Amino acid sequence: WYQRRVHGLKLGADIIHFLCKYVDDDRIQIAIYKCLNYLLSDEVPFLEPCKDPACGFSKEFLEIAAKQFYQCRNMIKLLSCIDMFVGMALFPSARNGAIGRLLMLLGYPYPRLRKDVAEKLYTAVLTYGEELVPEDQIDAISDLLLETPWSKKGNIHDLRAERDKLFPLFGISKPQPRAKG
């Protein structure tokens, strides 16, 4: 048990190290995200020790991800991060940050990205239920994710208004827009 914990913590530290080292190389970043998707899956418990809030992995990871995906236009990179954020939402200390990132992706101007995020978030809510969201909000969240035409092209402001309804349902506050200039 102890040895597995040490290896898991070292793996988390190595992931953070490589994300920082290759911050400008999308090719390597995407490979790291895909690897992390696998490591966060239920079948692979390697990162289980990193779920401990004292570890700092989730907080540090979300800070790096926030910088990486701010105004990102690389669709391959954006699509590769969806499962990763769903997996990170299962870390208690990262839940709000990861769900907030997913909800922000629902406001991006790319229909395919919005559709994929909505589908995976819906699946995560059904699969993990109360681990992600209060039980009394599951139906409302499911309805919004299913009934909103996320793949619709055109006026993004209408879709963002629908997305904004999800923030209070998940129990998180909507991030404030960054000041321009």
C-alpha atoms as a PDB file:
ATOM      1  CA  TRP A   1       0.000   0.000   0.000  1.00  0.00           C
ATOM      2  CA  TYR A   2       2.732   2.458   1.010  1.00  0.00           C
ATOM      3  CA  GLN A   3       4.809   1.755  -2.090  1.00  0.00           C
ATOM      4  CA  ARG A   4       1.778   2.214  -4.369  1.00  0.00           C
ATOM      5  CA  ARG A   5       1.063   5.544  -2.667  1.00  0.00           C
ATOM      6  CA  VAL A   6       4.640   6.737  -3.182  1.00  0.00           C
ATOM      7  CA  HIS A   7       4.576   5.713  -6.853  1.00  0.00           C
ATOM      8  CA  GLY A   8       1.227   7.451  -7.368  1.00  0.00           C
ATOM      9  CA  LEU A   9       2.470  10.686  -5.801  1.00  0.00           C
ATOM     10  CA  LYS A  10       5.671  10.541  -7.870  1.00  0.00           C
ATOM     11  CA  LEU A  11       3.643   9.941 -11.018  1.00  0.00           C
ATOM     12  CA  GLY A  12       1.488  12.986 -10.240  1.00  0.00           C
ATOM     13  CA  ALA A  13       4.609  15.092  -9.681  1.00  0.00           C
ATOM     14  CA  ASP A  14       6.113  13.832 -12.959  1.00  0.00           C
ATOM     15  CA  ILE A  15       2.948  14.741 -14.876  1.00  0.00           C
ATOM     16  CA  ILE A  16       3.054  18.284 -13.459  1.00  0.00           C
ATOM     17  CA  HIS A  17       6.777  18.513 -14.286  1.00  0.00           C
ATOM     18  CA  PHE A  18       6.271  17.519 -17.934  1.00  0.00           C
ATOM     19  CA  LEU A  19       3.243  19.786 -18.351  1.00  0.00           C
ATOM     20  CA  CYS A  20       5.394  22.713 -17.192  1.00  0.00           C
ATOM     21  CA  LYS A  21       8.484  21.671 -19.153  1.00  0.00           C
ATOM     22  CA  TYR A  22       6.627  21.328 -22.458  1.00  0.00           C
ATOM     23  CA  VAL A  23       4.190  24.170 -21.953  1.00  0.00           C
ATOM     24  CA  ASP A  24       4.594  25.443 -25.538  1.00  0.00           C
ATOM     25  CA  ASP A  25       4.578  22.078 -27.313  1.00  0.00           C
ATOM     26  CA  ASP A  26       0.974  21.099 -28.094  1.00  0.00           C
ATOM     27  CA  ARG A  27       2.058  17.747 -29.525  1.00  0.00           C
ATOM     28  CA  ILE A  28       3.535  16.671 -26.176  1.00  0.00           C
ATOM     29  CA  GLN A  29       0.770  18.332 -24.159  1.00  0.00           C
ATOM     30  CA  ILE A  30      -1.887  16.351 -26.044  1.00  0.00           C
ATOM     31  CA  ALA A  31       0.000  13.102 -25.439  1.00  0.00           C
ATOM     32  CA  ILE A  32       0.211  13.905 -21.713  1.00  0.00           C
ATOM     33  CA  TYR A  33      -3.538  14.655 -21.592  1.00  0.00           C
ATOM     34  CA  LYS A  34      -4.363  11.370 -23.318  1.00  0.00           C
ATOM     35  CA  CYS A  35      -2.105   9.497 -20.907  1.00  0.00           C
ATOM     36  CA  LEU A  36      -3.721  11.289 -17.973  1.00  0.00           C
ATOM     37  CA  ASN A  37      -7.191  10.358 -19.300  1.00  0.00           C
ATOM     38  CA  TYR A  38      -6.161   6.721 -19.071  1.00  0.00           C
ATOM     39  CA  LEU A  39      -4.630   7.118 -15.622  1.00  0.00           C
ATOM     40  CA  LEU A  40      -7.780   8.824 -14.333  1.00  0.00           C
ATOM     41  CA  SER A  41     -10.060   6.051 -15.566  1.00  0.00           C
ATOM     42  CA  ASP A  42     -11.656   3.727 -13.033  1.00  0.00           C
ATOM     43  CA  GLU A  43      -9.648   0.739 -14.204  1.00  0.00           C
ATOM     44  CA  VAL A  44      -6.283   2.316 -13.352  1.00  0.00           C
ATOM     45  CA  PRO A  45      -5.865   3.388  -9.703  1.00  0.00           C
ATOM     46  CA  PHE A  46      -2.354   4.865 -10.109  1.00  0.00           C
ATOM     47  CA  LEU A  47      -3.372   8.420  -9.267  1.00  0.00           C
ATOM     48  CA  GLU A  48      -5.590   7.457  -6.324  1.00  0.00           C
ATOM     49  CA  PRO A  49      -3.071   8.897  -3.800  1.00  0.00           C
ATOM     50  CA  CYS A  50      -3.223  12.226  -5.641  1.00  0.00           C
ATOM     51  CA  LYS A  51      -6.887  12.594  -4.664  1.00  0.00           C
ATOM     52  CA  ASP A  52      -5.710  13.554  -1.195  1.00  0.00           C
ATOM     53  CA  PRO A  53      -6.085  17.368  -0.928  1.00  0.00           C
ATOM     54  CA  ALA A  54      -2.780  17.533   0.964  1.00  0.00           C
ATOM     55  CA  CYS A  55      -1.004  16.208  -2.137  1.00  0.00           C
ATOM     56  CA  GLY A  56      -1.517  19.435  -4.098  1.00  0.00           C
ATOM     57  CA  PHE A  57      -1.621  17.639  -7.462  1.00  0.00           C
ATOM     58  CA  SER A  58      -5.162  18.626  -8.384  1.00  0.00           C
ATOM     59  CA  LYS A  59      -4.767  22.294  -7.450  1.00  0.00           C
ATOM     60  CA  GLU A  60      -1.469  22.610  -9.309  1.00  0.00           C
ATOM     61  CA  PHE A  61      -2.809  20.707 -12.303  1.00  0.00           C
ATOM     62  CA  LEU A  62      -5.904  22.907 -12.608  1.00  0.00           C
ATOM     63  CA  GLU A  63      -3.771  26.061 -12.445  1.00  0.00           C
ATOM     64  CA  ILE A  64      -1.646  24.796 -15.327  1.00  0.00           C
ATOM     65  CA  ALA A  65      -4.713  23.726 -17.294  1.00  0.00           C
ATOM     66  CA  ALA A  66      -6.359  27.124 -16.829  1.00  0.00           C
ATOM     67  CA  LYS A  67      -3.347  28.773 -18.441  1.00  0.00           C
ATOM     68  CA  GLN A  68      -3.135  26.157 -21.202  1.00  0.00           C
ATOM     69  CA  PHE A  69      -6.749  26.399 -22.295  1.00  0.00           C
ATOM     70  CA  TYR A  70      -7.340  30.119 -21.950  1.00  0.00           C
ATOM     71  CA  GLN A  71      -8.271  31.249 -25.475  1.00  0.00           C
ATOM     72  CA  CYS A  72      -6.979  27.964 -26.929  1.00  0.00           C
ATOM     73  CA  ARG A  73      -8.073  27.379 -30.524  1.00  0.00           C
ATOM     74  CA  ASN A  74      -6.432  23.982 -31.085  1.00  0.00           C
ATOM     75  CA  MET A  75      -9.410  21.629 -31.446  1.00  0.00           C
ATOM     76  CA  ILE A  76      -7.346  18.467 -30.965  1.00  0.00           C
ATOM     77  CA  LYS A  77      -5.991  19.825 -27.700  1.00  0.00           C
ATOM     78  CA  LEU A  78      -9.427  20.997 -26.555  1.00  0.00           C
ATOM     79  CA  LEU A  79     -11.065  17.660 -27.365  1.00  0.00           C
ATOM     80  CA  SER A  80      -8.294  15.764 -25.568  1.00  0.00           C
ATOM     81  CA  CYS A  81      -8.938  17.620 -22.329  1.00  0.00           C
ATOM     82  CA  ILE A  82     -12.632  16.757 -21.908  1.00  0.00           C
ATOM     83  CA  ASP A  83     -12.176  13.285 -20.398  1.00  0.00           C
ATOM     84  CA  MET A  84      -9.285  14.571 -18.337  1.00  0.00           C
ATOM     85  CA  PHE A  85     -11.471  17.232 -16.689  1.00  0.00           C
ATOM     86  CA  VAL A  86     -14.233  14.674 -16.093  1.00  0.00           C
ATOM     87  CA  GLY A  87     -11.668  12.451 -14.376  1.00  0.00           C
ATOM     88  CA  MET A  88     -10.325  15.366 -12.335  1.00  0.00           C
ATOM     89  CA  ALA A  89     -13.873  16.175 -11.199  1.00  0.00           C
ATOM     90  CA  LEU A  90     -13.727  12.976  -9.149  1.00  0.00           C
ATOM     91  CA  PHE A  91     -10.935  14.473  -7.032  1.00  0.00           C
ATOM     92  CA  PRO A  92     -12.771  16.216  -4.161  1.00  0.00           C
ATOM     93  CA  SER A  93     -10.299  19.101  -4.071  1.00  0.00           C
ATOM     94  CA  ALA A  94     -10.538  19.607  -7.854  1.00  0.00           C
ATOM     95  CA  ARG A  95     -14.249  19.027  -8.396  1.00  0.00           C
ATOM     96  CA  ASN A  96     -15.392  22.641  -8.712  1.00  0.00           C
ATOM     97  CA  GLY A  97     -12.420  23.690 -10.827  1.00  0.00           C
ATOM     98  CA  ALA A  98     -12.746  20.770 -13.233  1.00  0.00           C
ATOM     99  CA  ILE A  99     -16.506  21.134 -13.626  1.00  0.00           C
ATOM    100  CA  GLY A 100     -16.041  24.892 -14.054  1.00  0.00           C
ATOM    101  CA  ARG A 101     -13.562  24.224 -16.898  1.00  0.00           C
ATOM    102  CA  LEU A 102     -16.025  21.849 -18.569  1.00  0.00           C
ATOM    103  CA  LEU A 103     -18.809  24.397 -18.283  1.00  0.00           C
ATOM    104  CA  MET A 104     -16.566  27.089 -19.755  1.00  0.00           C
ATOM    105  CA  LEU A 105     -15.856  24.786 -22.718  1.00  0.00           C
ATOM    106  CA  LEU A 106     -19.629  24.693 -23.327  1.00  0.00           C
ATOM    107  CA  GLY A 107     -19.336  28.390 -24.184  1.00  0.00           C
ATOM    108  CA  TYR A 108     -16.593  27.991 -26.787  1.00  0.00           C
ATOM    109  CA  PRO A 109     -17.490  28.805 -30.400  1.00  0.00           C
ATOM    110  CA  TYR A 110     -16.900  25.236 -31.654  1.00  0.00           C
ATOM    111  CA  PRO A 111     -20.096  23.170 -32.049  1.00  0.00           C
ATOM    112  CA  ARG A 112     -18.329  19.794 -31.970  1.00  0.00           C
ATOM    113  CA  LEU A 113     -16.484  20.697 -28.776  1.00  0.00           C
ATOM    114  CA  ARG A 114     -19.693  21.861 -27.064  1.00  0.00           C
ATOM    115  CA  LYS A 115     -21.524  18.698 -28.141  1.00  0.00           C
ATOM    116  CA  ASP A 116     -18.744  16.404 -26.870  1.00  0.00           C
ATOM    117  CA  VAL A 117     -18.484  18.256 -23.553  1.00  0.00           C
ATOM    118  CA  ALA A 118     -22.256  18.090 -23.025  1.00  0.00           C
ATOM    119  CA  GLU A 119     -22.364  14.353 -23.810  1.00  0.00           C
ATOM    120  CA  LYS A 120     -19.460  13.469 -21.537  1.00  0.00           C
ATOM    121  CA  LEU A 121     -20.667  15.703 -18.726  1.00  0.00           C
ATOM    122  CA  TYR A 122     -24.131  14.142 -18.988  1.00  0.00           C
ATOM    123  CA  THR A 123     -22.610  10.648 -18.869  1.00  0.00           C
ATOM    124  CA  ALA A 124     -20.467  11.619 -15.865  1.00  0.00           C
ATOM    125  CA  VAL A 125     -23.483  13.012 -13.994  1.00  0.00           C
ATOM    126  CA  LEU A 126     -25.426   9.804 -14.606  1.00  0.00           C
ATOM    127  CA  THR A 127     -22.453   7.573 -13.783  1.00  0.00           C
ATOM    128  CA  TYR A 128     -21.102   9.327 -10.695  1.00  0.00           C
ATOM    129  CA  GLY A 129     -24.261  11.127  -9.531  1.00  0.00           C
ATOM    130  CA  GLU A 130     -23.865  12.444  -6.005  1.00  0.00           C
ATOM    131  CA  GLU A 131     -20.066  12.429  -6.232  1.00  0.00           C
ATOM    132  CA  LEU A 132     -20.349  15.326  -8.695  1.00  0.00           C
ATOM    133  CA  VAL A 133     -23.620  17.070  -7.978  1.00  0.00           C
ATOM    134  CA  PRO A 134     -26.341  17.279  -5.316  1.00  0.00           C
ATOM    135  CA  GLU A 135     -28.894  14.531  -5.860  1.00  0.00           C
ATOM    136  CA  ASP A 136     -31.805  16.952  -6.214  1.00  0.00           C
ATOM    137  CA  GLN A 137     -30.068  18.688  -9.167  1.00  0.00           C
ATOM    138  CA  ILE A 138     -29.323  15.623 -11.296  1.00  0.00           C
ATOM    139  CA  ASP A 139     -32.587  15.803 -13.277  1.00  0.00           C
ATOM    140  CA  ALA A 140     -32.327  19.538 -13.953  1.00  0.00           C
ATOM    141  CA  ILE A 141     -28.708  19.212 -15.084  1.00  0.00           C
ATOM    142  CA  SER A 142     -29.503  16.200 -17.262  1.00  0.00           C
ATOM    143  CA  ASP A 143     -32.394  18.025 -18.895  1.00  0.00           C
ATOM    144  CA  LEU A 144     -30.282  21.094 -19.707  1.00  0.00           C
ATOM    145  CA  LEU A 145     -27.427  19.017 -21.078  1.00  0.00           C
ATOM    146  CA  LEU A 146     -29.736  16.877 -23.221  1.00  0.00           C
ATOM    147  CA  GLU A 147     -32.242  19.449 -24.450  1.00  0.00           C
ATOM    148  CA  THR A 148     -29.917  22.307 -25.330  1.00  0.00           C
ATOM    149  CA  PRO A 149     -28.758  22.151 -28.967  1.00  0.00           C
ATOM    150  CA  TRP A 150     -25.033  22.387 -28.189  1.00  0.00           C
ATOM    151  CA  SER A 151     -24.022  21.554 -31.753  1.00  0.00           C
ATOM    152  CA  LYS A 152     -26.058  24.459 -33.118  1.00  0.00           C
ATOM    153  CA  LYS A 153     -24.133  26.980 -35.175  1.00  0.00           C
ATOM    154  CA  GLY A 154     -24.924  30.645 -34.978  1.00  0.00           C
ATOM    155  CA  ASN A 155     -25.611  32.840 -31.970  1.00  0.00           C
ATOM    156  CA  ILE A 156     -23.268  31.634 -29.235  1.00  0.00           C
ATOM    157  CA  HIS A 157     -24.774  34.081 -26.731  1.00  0.00           C
ATOM    158  CA  ASP A 158     -27.991  32.022 -26.483  1.00  0.00           C
ATOM    159  CA  LEU A 159     -25.985  28.870 -25.757  1.00  0.00           C
ATOM    160  CA  ARG A 160     -23.877  30.680 -23.179  1.00  0.00           C
ATOM    161  CA  ALA A 161     -27.063  31.789 -21.430  1.00  0.00           C
ATOM    162  CA  GLU A 162     -28.130  28.128 -21.236  1.00  0.00           C
ATOM    163  CA  ARG A 163     -24.664  27.142 -20.043  1.00  0.00           C
ATOM    164  CA  ASP A 164     -24.803  29.802 -17.319  1.00  0.00           C
ATOM    165  CA  LYS A 165     -27.859  28.077 -15.844  1.00  0.00           C
ATOM    166  CA  LEU A 166     -25.667  25.042 -15.114  1.00  0.00           C
ATOM    167  CA  PHE A 167     -23.243  26.832 -12.772  1.00  0.00           C
ATOM    168  CA  PRO A 168     -25.676  27.198  -9.840  1.00  0.00           C
ATOM    169  CA  LEU A 169     -27.055  23.692 -10.453  1.00  0.00           C
ATOM    170  CA  PHE A 170     -23.548  22.299  -9.939  1.00  0.00           C
ATOM    171  CA  GLY A 171     -23.150  24.554  -6.914  1.00  0.00           C
ATOM    172  CA  ILE A 172     -20.259  26.565  -8.297  1.00  0.00           C
ATOM    173  CA  SER A 173     -19.970  30.237  -9.104  1.00  0.00           C
ATOM    174  CA  LYS A 174     -19.500  31.380 -12.665  1.00  0.00           C
ATOM    175  CA  PRO A 175     -16.027  32.815 -13.275  1.00  0.00           C
ATOM    176  CA  GLN A 176     -15.911  36.513 -13.982  1.00  0.00           C
ATOM    177  CA  PRO A 177     -14.657  37.589 -17.408  1.00  0.00           C
ATOM    178  CA  ARG A 178     -11.062  38.720 -17.512  1.00  0.00           C
ATOM    179  CA  ALA A 179     -10.517  42.429 -17.935  1.00  0.00           C
ATOM    180  CA  LYS A 180      -9.405  43.394 -21.423  1.00  0.00           C
ATOM    181  CA  GLY A 181      -6.371  45.514 -21.971  1.00  0.00           C
END
